[in-house]
């Protein structure tokens, strides 16, 4: 059985806390791109002008895969963005919380 060192355990705990907060129905504040990127080990963050329905947006790399991080103010804004994105051909989700999405960059 493998054990986790302190740094890996701290990172796993931070990711679990972020994902749990993002998955709760009564999350008080949406995450920031920075907190999502940090918890999910997304590197090379470059902030972008937010798209329609998006609070904050950035590009980066997650495990060698180019990704886009979208953070939403509300679940309704996220649902509207998903509906709009699907009408343009959809997207490939890498990670999801109630107020954020990480998708593969085209």
PDB file of N, CA and C in Angstrom:
ATOM      1  N   UNK A   1       0.836  -1.165   0.000  1.00  0.00           N
ATOM      2  CA  UNK A   1       0.000   0.000   0.000  1.00  0.00           C
ATOM      3  C   UNK A   1       0.888   1.237   0.000  1.00  0.00           C
ATOM      4  N   UNK A   2       0.586   2.206  -0.857  1.00  0.00           N
ATOM      5  CA  UNK A   2       1.351   3.446  -0.921  1.00  0.00           C
ATOM      6  C   UNK A   2       0.846   4.418   0.131  1.00  0.00           C
ATOM      7  N   UNK A   3       1.770   5.160   0.704  1.00  0.00           N
ATOM      8  CA  UNK A   3       1.392   6.206   1.646  1.00  0.00           C
ATOM      9  C   UNK A   3       1.669   7.546   1.014  1.00  0.00           C
ATOM     10  N   UNK A   4       0.987   8.567   1.473  1.00  0.00           N
ATOM     11  CA  UNK A   4       1.165   9.918   0.934  1.00  0.00           C
ATOM     12  C   UNK A   4       2.084  10.695   1.859  1.00  0.00           C
ATOM     13  N   UNK A   5       3.000  11.476   1.259  1.00  0.00           N
ATOM     14  CA  UNK A   5       3.819  12.346   2.094  1.00  0.00           C
ATOM     15  C   UNK A   5       2.987  13.553   2.515  1.00  0.00           C
ATOM     16  N   UNK A   6       3.503  14.364   3.431  1.00  0.00           N
ATOM     17  CA  UNK A   6       2.755  15.504   3.960  1.00  0.00           C
ATOM     18  C   UNK A   6       2.307  16.468   2.886  1.00  0.00           C
ATOM     19  N   UNK A   7       3.183  16.746   1.900  1.00  0.00           N
ATOM     20  CA  UNK A   7       2.850  17.690   0.838  1.00  0.00           C
ATOM     21  C   UNK A   7       1.719  17.145  -0.038  1.00  0.00           C
ATOM     22  N   UNK A   8       1.813  15.862  -0.397  1.00  0.00           N
ATOM     23  CA  UNK A   8       0.771  15.256  -1.217  1.00  0.00           C
ATOM     24  C   UNK A   8      -0.547  15.200  -0.453  1.00  0.00           C
ATOM     25  N   UNK A   9      -0.474  14.877   0.835  1.00  0.00           N
ATOM     26  CA  UNK A   9      -1.678  14.818   1.658  1.00  0.00           C
ATOM     27  C   UNK A   9      -2.323  16.195   1.767  1.00  0.00           C
ATOM     28  N   UNK A  10      -1.525  17.238   1.952  1.00  0.00           N
ATOM     29  CA  UNK A  10      -2.055  18.603   2.037  1.00  0.00           C
ATOM     30  C   UNK A  10      -2.717  18.995   0.719  1.00  0.00           C
ATOM     31  N   UNK A  11      -2.079  18.651  -0.395  1.00  0.00           N
ATOM     32  CA  UNK A  11      -2.652  18.956  -1.711  1.00  0.00           C
ATOM     33  C   UNK A  11      -3.956  18.217  -1.939  1.00  0.00           C
ATOM     34  N   UNK A  12      -3.995  16.955  -1.544  1.00  0.00           N
ATOM     35  CA  UNK A  12      -5.218  16.164  -1.690  1.00  0.00           C
ATOM     36  C   UNK A  12      -6.331  16.735  -0.823  1.00  0.00           C
ATOM     37  N   UNK A  13      -5.988  17.174   0.385  1.00  0.00           N
ATOM     38  CA  UNK A  13      -6.985  17.759   1.277  1.00  0.00           C
ATOM     39  C   UNK A  13      -7.528  19.064   0.698  1.00  0.00           C
ATOM     40  N   UNK A  14      -6.642  19.891   0.125  1.00  0.00           N
ATOM     41  CA  UNK A  14      -7.080  21.154  -0.475  1.00  0.00           C
ATOM     42  C   UNK A  14      -7.996  20.899  -1.660  1.00  0.00           C
ATOM     43  N   UNK A  15      -7.644  19.932  -2.495  1.00  0.00           N
ATOM     44  CA  UNK A  15      -8.481  19.595  -3.653  1.00  0.00           C
ATOM     45  C   UNK A  15      -9.830  19.067  -3.195  1.00  0.00           C
ATOM     46  N   UNK A  16      -9.836  18.211  -2.185  1.00  0.00           N
ATOM     47  CA  UNK A  16     -11.092  17.660  -1.676  1.00  0.00           C
ATOM     48  C   UNK A  16     -11.977  18.762  -1.116  1.00  0.00           C
ATOM     49  N   UNK A  17     -11.384  19.704  -0.382  1.00  0.00           N
ATOM     50  CA  UNK A  17     -12.164  20.806   0.187  1.00  0.00           C
ATOM     51  C   UNK A  17     -12.753  21.680  -0.912  1.00  0.00           C
ATOM     52  N   UNK A  18     -11.960  21.983  -1.942  1.00  0.00           N
ATOM     53  CA  UNK A  18     -12.441  22.813  -3.040  1.00  0.00           C
ATOM     54  C   UNK A  18     -13.566  22.103  -3.777  1.00  0.00           C
ATOM     55  N   UNK A  19     -13.360  20.839  -4.096  1.00  0.00           N
ATOM     56  CA  UNK A  19     -14.366  20.108  -4.842  1.00  0.00           C
ATOM     57  C   UNK A  19     -15.627  19.922  -4.015  1.00  0.00           C
ATOM     58  N   UNK A  20     -15.492  19.691  -2.723  1.00  0.00           N
ATOM     59  CA  UNK A  20     -16.669  19.560  -1.862  1.00  0.00           C
ATOM     60  C   UNK A  20     -17.423  20.879  -1.807  1.00  0.00           C
ATOM     61  N   UNK A  21     -16.705  21.985  -1.674  1.00  0.00           N
ATOM     62  CA  UNK A  21     -17.358  23.296  -1.637  1.00  0.00           C
ATOM     63  C   UNK A  21     -18.034  23.588  -2.966  1.00  0.00           C
ATOM     64  N   UNK A  22     -17.386  23.223  -4.051  1.00  0.00           N
ATOM     65  CA  UNK A  22     -17.966  23.462  -5.374  1.00  0.00           C
ATOM     66  C   UNK A  22     -19.141  22.581  -5.672  1.00  0.00           C
ATOM     67  N   UNK A  23     -19.274  21.473  -4.959  1.00  0.00           N
ATOM     68  CA  UNK A  23     -20.363  20.543  -5.205  1.00  0.00           C
ATOM     69  C   UNK A  23     -21.530  20.766  -4.257  1.00  0.00           C
ATOM     70  N   UNK A  24     -21.364  21.606  -3.248  1.00  0.00           N
ATOM     71  CA  UNK A  24     -22.445  21.853  -2.303  1.00  0.00           C
ATOM     72  C   UNK A  24     -23.510  22.727  -2.920  1.00  0.00           C
ATOM     73  N   UNK A  25     -24.749  22.546  -2.489  1.00  0.00           N
ATOM     74  CA  UNK A  25     -25.842  23.323  -3.057  1.00  0.00           C
ATOM     75  C   UNK A  25     -25.898  24.718  -2.472  1.00  0.00           C
ATOM     76  N   UNK A  26     -25.239  24.953  -1.332  1.00  0.00           N
ATOM     77  CA  UNK A  26     -25.312  26.275  -0.723  1.00  0.00           C
ATOM     78  C   UNK A  26     -23.930  26.901  -0.547  1.00  0.00           C
ATOM     79  N   UNK A  27     -23.059  26.717  -1.523  1.00  0.00           N
ATOM     80  CA  UNK A  27     -21.733  27.334  -1.460  1.00  0.00           C
ATOM     81  C   UNK A  27     -21.913  28.844  -1.452  1.00  0.00           C
ATOM     82  N   UNK A  28     -21.345  29.530  -0.466  1.00  0.00           N
ATOM     83  CA  UNK A  28     -21.562  30.964  -0.284  1.00  0.00           C
ATOM     84  C   UNK A  28     -20.882  31.781  -1.375  1.00  0.00           C
ATOM     85  N   UNK A  29     -19.671  31.423  -1.746  1.00  0.00           N
ATOM     86  CA  UNK A  29     -18.909  32.180  -2.732  1.00  0.00           C
ATOM     87  C   UNK A  29     -18.391  31.244  -3.811  1.00  0.00           C
ATOM     88  N   UNK A  30     -18.443  31.675  -5.066  1.00  0.00           N
ATOM     89  CA  UNK A  30     -17.824  30.856  -6.104  1.00  0.00           C
ATOM     90  C   UNK A  30     -16.312  30.833  -5.915  1.00  0.00           C
ATOM     91  N   UNK A  31     -15.700  29.778  -6.354  1.00  0.00           N
ATOM     92  CA  UNK A  31     -14.241  29.667  -6.309  1.00  0.00           C
ATOM     93  C   UNK A  31     -13.631  30.707  -7.243  1.00  0.00           C
ATOM     94  N   UNK A  32     -12.344  30.925  -7.107  1.00  0.00           N
ATOM     95  CA  UNK A  32     -11.630  31.763  -8.062  1.00  0.00           C
ATOM     96  C   UNK A  32     -10.854  30.838  -8.995  1.00  0.00           C
ATOM     97  N   UNK A  33     -10.465  31.356 -10.153  1.00  0.00           N
ATOM     98  CA  UNK A  33      -9.628  30.569 -11.062  1.00  0.00           C
ATOM     99  C   UNK A  33      -8.366  30.122 -10.337  1.00  0.00           C
ATOM    100  N   UNK A  34      -7.787  31.022  -9.540  1.00  0.00           N
ATOM    101  CA  UNK A  34      -6.568  30.689  -8.813  1.00  0.00           C
ATOM    102  C   UNK A  34      -6.748  29.536  -7.846  1.00  0.00           C
ATOM    103  N   UNK A  35      -7.868  29.519  -7.099  1.00  0.00           N
ATOM    104  CA  UNK A  35      -8.092  28.434  -6.143  1.00  0.00           C
ATOM    105  C   UNK A  35      -8.353  27.117  -6.848  1.00  0.00           C
ATOM    106  N   UNK A  36      -9.083  27.143  -7.954  1.00  0.00           N
ATOM    107  CA  UNK A  36      -9.322  25.923  -8.737  1.00  0.00           C
ATOM    108  C   UNK A  36      -7.998  25.418  -9.295  1.00  0.00           C
ATOM    109  N   UNK A  37      -7.222  26.316  -9.885  1.00  0.00           N
ATOM    110  CA  UNK A  37      -5.932  25.936 -10.482  1.00  0.00           C
ATOM    111  C   UNK A  37      -4.989  25.349  -9.437  1.00  0.00           C
ATOM    112  N   UNK A  38      -4.927  25.976  -8.284  1.00  0.00           N
ATOM    113  CA  UNK A  38      -4.046  25.494  -7.224  1.00  0.00           C
ATOM    114  C   UNK A  38      -4.463  24.109  -6.735  1.00  0.00           C
ATOM    115  N   UNK A  39      -5.743  23.940  -6.461  1.00  0.00           N
ATOM    116  CA  UNK A  39      -6.242  22.664  -5.939  1.00  0.00           C
ATOM    117  C   UNK A  39      -6.093  21.523  -6.945  1.00  0.00           C
ATOM    118  N   UNK A  40      -6.213  21.838  -8.238  1.00  0.00           N
ATOM    119  CA  UNK A  40      -6.165  20.796  -9.272  1.00  0.00           C
ATOM    120  C   UNK A  40      -4.809  20.724  -9.973  1.00  0.00           C
ATOM    121  N   UNK A  41      -3.837  21.467  -9.476  1.00  0.00           N
ATOM    122  CA  UNK A  41      -2.468  21.453 -10.015  1.00  0.00           C
ATOM    123  C   UNK A  41      -2.433  21.855 -11.492  1.00  0.00           C
ATOM    124  N   UNK A  42      -3.173  22.915 -11.812  1.00  0.00           N
ATOM    125  CA  UNK A  42      -3.157  23.478 -13.162  1.00  0.00           C
ATOM    126  C   UNK A  42      -2.072  24.548 -13.178  1.00  0.00           C
ATOM    127  N   UNK A  43      -1.161  24.438 -14.129  1.00  0.00           N
ATOM    128  CA  UNK A  43      -0.018  25.351 -14.194  1.00  0.00           C
ATOM    129  C   UNK A  43      -0.128  26.275 -15.408  1.00  0.00           C
ATOM    130  N   UNK A  44       0.720  27.305 -15.426  1.00  0.00           N
ATOM    131  CA  UNK A  44       0.788  28.217 -16.570  1.00  0.00           C
ATOM    132  C   UNK A  44      -0.486  29.020 -16.770  1.00  0.00           C
ATOM    133  N   UNK A  45      -1.148  29.383 -15.696  1.00  0.00           N
ATOM    134  CA  UNK A  45      -2.429  30.095 -15.787  1.00  0.00           C
ATOM    135  C   UNK A  45      -2.267  31.434 -16.504  1.00  0.00           C
ATOM    136  N   UNK A  46      -3.096  31.629 -17.505  1.00  0.00           N
ATOM    137  CA  UNK A  46      -3.169  32.889 -18.244  1.00  0.00           C
ATOM    138  C   UNK A  46      -4.627  33.334 -18.216  1.00  0.00           C
ATOM    139  N   UNK A  47      -4.898  34.431 -17.520  1.00  0.00           N
ATOM    140  CA  UNK A  47      -6.279  34.921 -17.430  1.00  0.00           C
ATOM    141  C   UNK A  47      -6.760  35.416 -18.780  1.00  0.00           C
ATOM    142  N   UNK A  48      -8.024  35.180 -19.037  1.00  0.00           N
ATOM    143  CA  UNK A  48      -8.667  35.567 -20.289  1.00  0.00           C
ATOM    144  C   UNK A  48      -9.843  36.488 -19.966  1.00  0.00           C
ATOM    145  N   UNK A  49     -10.326  37.197 -20.975  1.00  0.00           N
ATOM    146  CA  UNK A  49     -11.546  37.975 -20.828  1.00  0.00           C
ATOM    147  C   UNK A  49     -12.703  36.991 -20.677  1.00  0.00           C
ATOM    148  N   UNK A  50     -13.507  37.087 -19.630  1.00  0.00           N
ATOM    149  CA  UNK A  50     -14.574  36.106 -19.422  1.00  0.00           C
ATOM    150  C   UNK A  50     -15.622  36.120 -20.536  1.00  0.00           C
ATOM    151  N   UNK A  51     -16.039  34.925 -20.899  1.00  0.00           N
ATOM    152  CA  UNK A  51     -17.118  34.754 -21.867  1.00  0.00           C
ATOM    153  C   UNK A  51     -18.454  35.083 -21.205  1.00  0.00           C
ATOM    154  N   UNK A  52     -19.507  35.103 -22.001  1.00  0.00           N
ATOM    155  CA  UNK A  52     -20.852  35.308 -21.507  1.00  0.00           C
ATOM    156  C   UNK A  52     -21.165  34.279 -20.420  1.00  0.00           C
ATOM    157  N   UNK A  53     -21.763  34.699 -19.323  1.00  0.00           N
ATOM    158  CA  UNK A  53     -22.162  33.882 -18.172  1.00  0.00           C
ATOM    159  C   UNK A  53     -21.001  33.526 -17.234  1.00  0.00           C
ATOM    160  N   UNK A  54     -19.758  33.834 -17.604  1.00  0.00           N
ATOM    161  CA  UNK A  54     -18.581  33.404 -16.844  1.00  0.00           C
ATOM    162  C   UNK A  54     -18.094  34.541 -15.944  1.00  0.00           C
ATOM    163  N   UNK A  55     -17.797  34.227 -14.678  1.00  0.00           N
ATOM    164  CA  UNK A  55     -17.260  35.208 -13.731  1.00  0.00           C
ATOM    165  C   UNK A  55     -15.769  35.413 -13.964  1.00  0.00           C
ATOM    166  N   UNK A  56     -15.028  34.310 -14.139  1.00  0.00           N
ATOM    167  CA  UNK A  56     -13.578  34.357 -14.290  1.00  0.00           C
ATOM    168  C   UNK A  56     -13.162  33.202 -15.193  1.00  0.00           C
ATOM    169  N   UNK A  57     -12.134  33.427 -16.002  1.00  0.00           N
ATOM    170  CA  UNK A  57     -11.726  32.427 -16.992  1.00  0.00           C
ATOM    171  C   UNK A  57     -10.221  32.492 -17.202  1.00  0.00           C
ATOM    172  N   UNK A  58      -9.618  31.318 -17.432  1.00  0.00           N
ATOM    173  CA  UNK A  58      -8.175  31.265 -17.698  1.00  0.00           C
ATOM    174  C   UNK A  58      -7.847  30.007 -18.477  1.00  0.00           C
ATOM    175  N   UNK A  59      -6.665  30.015 -19.079  1.00  0.00           N
ATOM    176  CA  UNK A  59      -6.130  28.820 -19.716  1.00  0.00           C
ATOM    177  C   UNK A  59      -4.936  28.350 -18.883  1.00  0.00           C
ATOM    178  N   UNK A  60      -4.587  27.088 -19.034  1.00  0.00           N
ATOM    179  CA  UNK A  60      -3.447  26.529 -18.324  1.00  0.00           C
ATOM    180  C   UNK A  60      -3.208  25.113 -18.791  1.00  0.00           C
ATOM    181  N   UNK A  61      -2.387  24.389 -18.032  1.00  0.00           N
ATOM    182  CA  UNK A  61      -2.053  23.006 -18.365  1.00  0.00           C
ATOM    183  C   UNK A  61      -2.282  22.135 -17.140  1.00  0.00           C
ATOM    184  N   UNK A  62      -2.960  21.025 -17.342  1.00  0.00           N
ATOM    185  CA  UNK A  62      -3.242  20.079 -16.267  1.00  0.00           C
ATOM    186  C   UNK A  62      -2.742  18.708 -16.684  1.00  0.00           C
ATOM    187  N   UNK A  63      -1.672  18.252 -16.044  1.00  0.00           N
ATOM    188  CA  UNK A  63      -1.119  16.948 -16.388  1.00  0.00           C
ATOM    189  C   UNK A  63      -0.709  16.842 -17.845  1.00  0.00           C
ATOM    190  N   UNK A  64      -0.196  17.929 -18.410  1.00  0.00           N
ATOM    191  CA  UNK A  64       0.242  17.932 -19.801  1.00  0.00           C
ATOM    192  C   UNK A  64      -0.862  18.248 -20.803  1.00  0.00           C
ATOM    193  N   UNK A  65      -2.097  18.382 -20.342  1.00  0.00           N
ATOM    194  CA  UNK A  65      -3.238  18.670 -21.216  1.00  0.00           C
ATOM    195  C   UNK A  65      -3.596  20.154 -21.132  1.00  0.00           C
ATOM    196  N   UNK A  66      -3.674  20.840 -22.280  1.00  0.00           N
ATOM    197  CA  UNK A  66      -4.128  22.235 -22.259  1.00  0.00           C
ATOM    198  C   UNK A  66      -5.597  22.291 -21.837  1.00  0.00           C
ATOM    199  N   UNK A  67      -5.903  23.165 -20.876  1.00  0.00           N
ATOM    200  CA  UNK A  67      -7.273  23.271 -20.370  1.00  0.00           C
ATOM    201  C   UNK A  67      -7.701  24.726 -20.264  1.00  0.00           C
ATOM    202  N   UNK A  68      -9.018  24.918 -20.146  1.00  0.00           N
ATOM    203  CA  UNK A  68      -9.618  26.211 -19.840  1.00  0.00           C
ATOM    204  C   UNK A  68     -10.371  26.040 -18.528  1.00  0.00           C
ATOM    205  N   UNK A  69     -10.238  27.021 -17.649  1.00  0.00           N
ATOM    206  CA  UNK A  69     -10.927  27.015 -16.360  1.00  0.00           C
ATOM    207  C   UNK A  69     -11.999  28.102 -16.412  1.00  0.00           C
ATOM    208  N   UNK A  70     -13.236  27.709 -16.122  1.00  0.00           N
ATOM    209  CA  UNK A  70     -14.357  28.649 -16.074  1.00  0.00           C
ATOM    210  C   UNK A  70     -14.927  28.644 -14.664  1.00  0.00           C
ATOM    211  N   UNK A  71     -15.119  29.828 -14.092  1.00  0.00           N
ATOM    212  CA  UNK A  71     -15.736  29.966 -12.771  1.00  0.00           C
ATOM    213  C   UNK A  71     -17.002  30.800 -12.951  1.00  0.00           C
ATOM    214  N   UNK A  72     -18.079  30.348 -12.309  1.00  0.00           N
ATOM    215  CA  UNK A  72     -19.391  30.975 -12.457  1.00  0.00           C
ATOM    216  C   UNK A  72     -19.873  31.544 -11.126  1.00  0.00           C
ATOM    217  N   UNK A  73     -20.677  32.613 -11.179  1.00  0.00           N
ATOM    218  CA  UNK A  73     -21.237  33.206  -9.965  1.00  0.00           C
ATOM    219  C   UNK A  73     -22.363  32.347  -9.382  1.00  0.00           C
ATOM    220  N   UNK A  74     -23.134  31.713 -10.261  1.00  0.00           N
ATOM    221  CA  UNK A  74     -24.293  30.932  -9.819  1.00  0.00           C
ATOM    222  C   UNK A  74     -24.405  29.649 -10.636  1.00  0.00           C
ATOM    223  N   UNK A  75     -25.152  28.702 -10.103  1.00  0.00           N
ATOM    224  CA  UNK A  75     -25.438  27.480 -10.847  1.00  0.00           C
ATOM    225  C   UNK A  75     -26.229  27.768 -12.118  1.00  0.00           C
ATOM    226  N   UNK A  76     -27.091  28.785 -12.064  1.00  0.00           N
ATOM    227  CA  UNK A  76     -27.868  29.164 -13.247  1.00  0.00           C
ATOM    228  C   UNK A  76     -26.948  29.682 -14.354  1.00  0.00           C
ATOM    229  N   UNK A  77     -25.955  30.501 -13.989  1.00  0.00           N
ATOM    230  CA  UNK A  77     -25.007  31.016 -14.985  1.00  0.00           C
ATOM    231  C   UNK A  77     -24.239  29.856 -15.616  1.00  0.00           C
ATOM    232  N   UNK A  78     -23.840  28.890 -14.785  1.00  0.00           N
ATOM    233  CA  UNK A  78     -23.127  27.721 -15.313  1.00  0.00           C
ATOM    234  C   UNK A  78     -24.023  26.940 -16.278  1.00  0.00           C
ATOM    235  N   UNK A  79     -25.269  26.710 -15.883  1.00  0.00           N
ATOM    236  CA  UNK A  79     -26.200  25.973 -16.746  1.00  0.00           C
ATOM    237  C   UNK A  79     -26.416  26.693 -18.071  1.00  0.00           C
ATOM    238  N   UNK A  80     -26.523  28.027 -18.027  1.00  0.00           N
ATOM    239  CA  UNK A  80     -26.685  28.801 -19.260  1.00  0.00           C
ATOM    240  C   UNK A  80     -25.456  28.693 -20.150  1.00  0.00           C
ATOM    241  N   UNK A  81     -24.259  28.734 -19.550  1.00  0.00           N
ATOM    242  CA  UNK A  81     -23.027  28.599 -20.325  1.00  0.00           C
ATOM    243  C   UNK A  81     -22.962  27.221 -20.979  1.00  0.00           C
ATOM    244  N   UNK A  82     -23.287  26.184 -20.211  1.00  0.00           N
ATOM    245  CA  UNK A  82     -23.267  24.811 -20.737  1.00  0.00           C
ATOM    246  C   UNK A  82     -24.227  24.692 -21.918  1.00  0.00           C
ATOM    247  N   UNK A  83     -25.430  25.248 -21.767  1.00  0.00           N
ATOM    248  CA  UNK A  83     -26.417  25.195 -22.852  1.00  0.00           C
ATOM    249  C   UNK A  83     -25.884  25.895 -24.104  1.00  0.00           C
ATOM    250  N   UNK A  84     -25.300  27.082 -23.915  1.00  0.00           N
ATOM    251  CA  UNK A  84     -24.749  27.826 -25.055  1.00  0.00           C
ATOM    252  C   UNK A  84     -23.584  27.075 -25.691  1.00  0.00           C
ATOM    253  N   UNK A  85     -22.670  26.544 -24.857  1.00  0.00           N
ATOM    254  CA  UNK A  85     -21.506  25.815 -25.379  1.00  0.00           C
ATOM    255  C   UNK A  85     -21.938  24.572 -26.147  1.00  0.00           C
ATOM    256  N   UNK A  86     -22.950  23.884 -25.645  1.00  0.00           N
ATOM    257  CA  UNK A  86     -23.446  22.692 -26.338  1.00  0.00           C
ATOM    258  C   UNK A  86     -24.040  23.040 -27.694  1.00  0.00           C
ATOM    259  N   UNK A  87     -24.629  24.224 -27.824  1.00  0.00           N
ATOM    260  CA  UNK A  87     -25.197  24.617 -29.113  1.00  0.00           C
ATOM    261  C   UNK A  87     -24.105  24.900 -30.144  1.00  0.00           C
ATOM    262  N   UNK A  88     -22.851  25.096 -29.675  1.00  0.00           N
ATOM    263  CA  UNK A  88     -21.720  25.316 -30.574  1.00  0.00           C
ATOM    264  C   UNK A  88     -20.847  24.076 -30.715  1.00  0.00           C
ATOM    265  N   UNK A  89     -21.362  22.916 -30.351  1.00  0.00           N
ATOM    266  CA  UNK A  89     -20.612  21.684 -30.540  1.00  0.00           C
ATOM    267  C   UNK A  89     -20.133  21.029 -29.262  1.00  0.00           C
ATOM    268  N   UNK A  90     -20.372  21.649 -28.123  1.00  0.00           N
ATOM    269  CA  UNK A  90     -20.036  21.023 -26.854  1.00  0.00           C
ATOM    270  C   UNK A  90     -18.602  21.248 -26.421  1.00  0.00           C
ATOM    271  N   UNK A  91     -18.203  20.495 -25.402  1.00  0.00           N
ATOM    272  CA  UNK A  91     -16.889  20.635 -24.787  1.00  0.00           C
ATOM    273  C   UNK A  91     -16.553  19.337 -24.080  1.00  0.00           C
ATOM    274  N   UNK A  92     -15.292  19.155 -23.751  1.00  0.00           N
ATOM    275  CA  UNK A  92     -14.817  17.939 -23.092  1.00  0.00           C
ATOM    276  C   UNK A  92     -14.425  18.278 -21.652  1.00  0.00           C
ATOM    277  N   UNK A  93     -15.269  17.908 -20.690  1.00  0.00           N
ATOM    278  CA  UNK A  93     -15.035  18.225 -19.280  1.00  0.00           C
ATOM    279  C   UNK A  93     -13.920  17.372 -18.697  1.00  0.00           C
ATOM    280  N   UNK A  94     -13.000  18.030 -17.988  1.00  0.00           N
ATOM    281  CA  UNK A  94     -11.920  17.353 -17.273  1.00  0.00           C
ATOM    282  C   UNK A  94     -12.288  17.232 -15.793  1.00  0.00           C
ATOM    283  N   UNK A  95     -12.742  18.326 -15.175  1.00  0.00           N
ATOM    284  CA  UNK A  95     -13.197  18.367 -13.776  1.00  0.00           C
ATOM    285  C   UNK A  95     -14.367  19.328 -13.690  1.00  0.00           C
ATOM    286  N   UNK A  96     -15.262  19.058 -12.717  1.00  0.00           N
ATOM    287  CA  UNK A  96     -16.435  19.904 -12.569  1.00  0.00           C
ATOM    288  C   UNK A  96     -16.819  20.048 -11.103  1.00  0.00           C
ATOM    289  N   UNK A  97     -17.225  21.254 -10.741  1.00  0.00           N
ATOM    290  CA  UNK A  97     -17.815  21.541  -9.436  1.00  0.00           C
ATOM    291  C   UNK A  97     -19.101  22.296  -9.699  1.00  0.00           C
ATOM    292  N   UNK A  98     -19.851  22.610  -8.672  1.00  0.00           N
ATOM    293  CA  UNK A  98     -21.137  23.278  -8.906  1.00  0.00           C
ATOM    294  C   UNK A  98     -20.959  24.670  -9.517  1.00  0.00           C
ATOM    295  N   UNK A  99     -19.803  25.326  -9.255  1.00  0.00           N
ATOM    296  CA  UNK A  99     -19.592  26.677  -9.787  1.00  0.00           C
ATOM    297  C   UNK A  99     -18.317  26.805 -10.619  1.00  0.00           C
ATOM    298  N   UNK A 100     -17.767  25.698 -11.066  1.00  0.00           N
ATOM    299  CA  UNK A 100     -16.626  25.772 -11.984  1.00  0.00           C
ATOM    300  C   UNK A 100     -16.605  24.582 -12.933  1.00  0.00           C
ATOM    301  N   UNK A 101     -15.940  24.788 -14.063  1.00  0.00           N
ATOM    302  CA  UNK A 101     -15.664  23.736 -15.031  1.00  0.00           C
ATOM    303  C   UNK A 101     -14.220  23.857 -15.481  1.00  0.00           C
ATOM    304  N   UNK A 102     -13.573  22.722 -15.663  1.00  0.00           N
ATOM    305  CA  UNK A 102     -12.272  22.660 -16.303  1.00  0.00           C
ATOM    306  C   UNK A 102     -12.487  21.797 -17.535  1.00  0.00           C
ATOM    307  N   UNK A 103     -12.224  22.363 -18.711  1.00  0.00           N
ATOM    308  CA  UNK A 103     -12.438  21.656 -19.967  1.00  0.00           C
ATOM    309  C   UNK A 103     -11.163  21.641 -20.788  1.00  0.00           C
ATOM    310  N   UNK A 104     -11.053  20.638 -21.656  1.00  0.00           N
ATOM    311  CA  UNK A 104      -9.901  20.594 -22.560  1.00  0.00           C
ATOM    312  C   UNK A 104      -9.973  21.762 -23.521  1.00  0.00           C
ATOM    313  N   UNK A 105      -8.819  22.394 -23.743  1.00  0.00           N
ATOM    314  CA  UNK A 105      -8.745  23.473 -24.731  1.00  0.00           C
ATOM    315  C   UNK A 105      -8.762  22.862 -26.123  1.00  0.00           C
ATOM    316  N   UNK A 106      -9.449  23.535 -27.038  1.00  0.00           N
ATOM    317  CA  UNK A 106      -9.455  22.997 -28.415  1.00  0.00           C
ATOM    318  C   UNK A 106      -8.086  23.062 -29.054  1.00  0.00           C
TER     319      UNK A 106
END
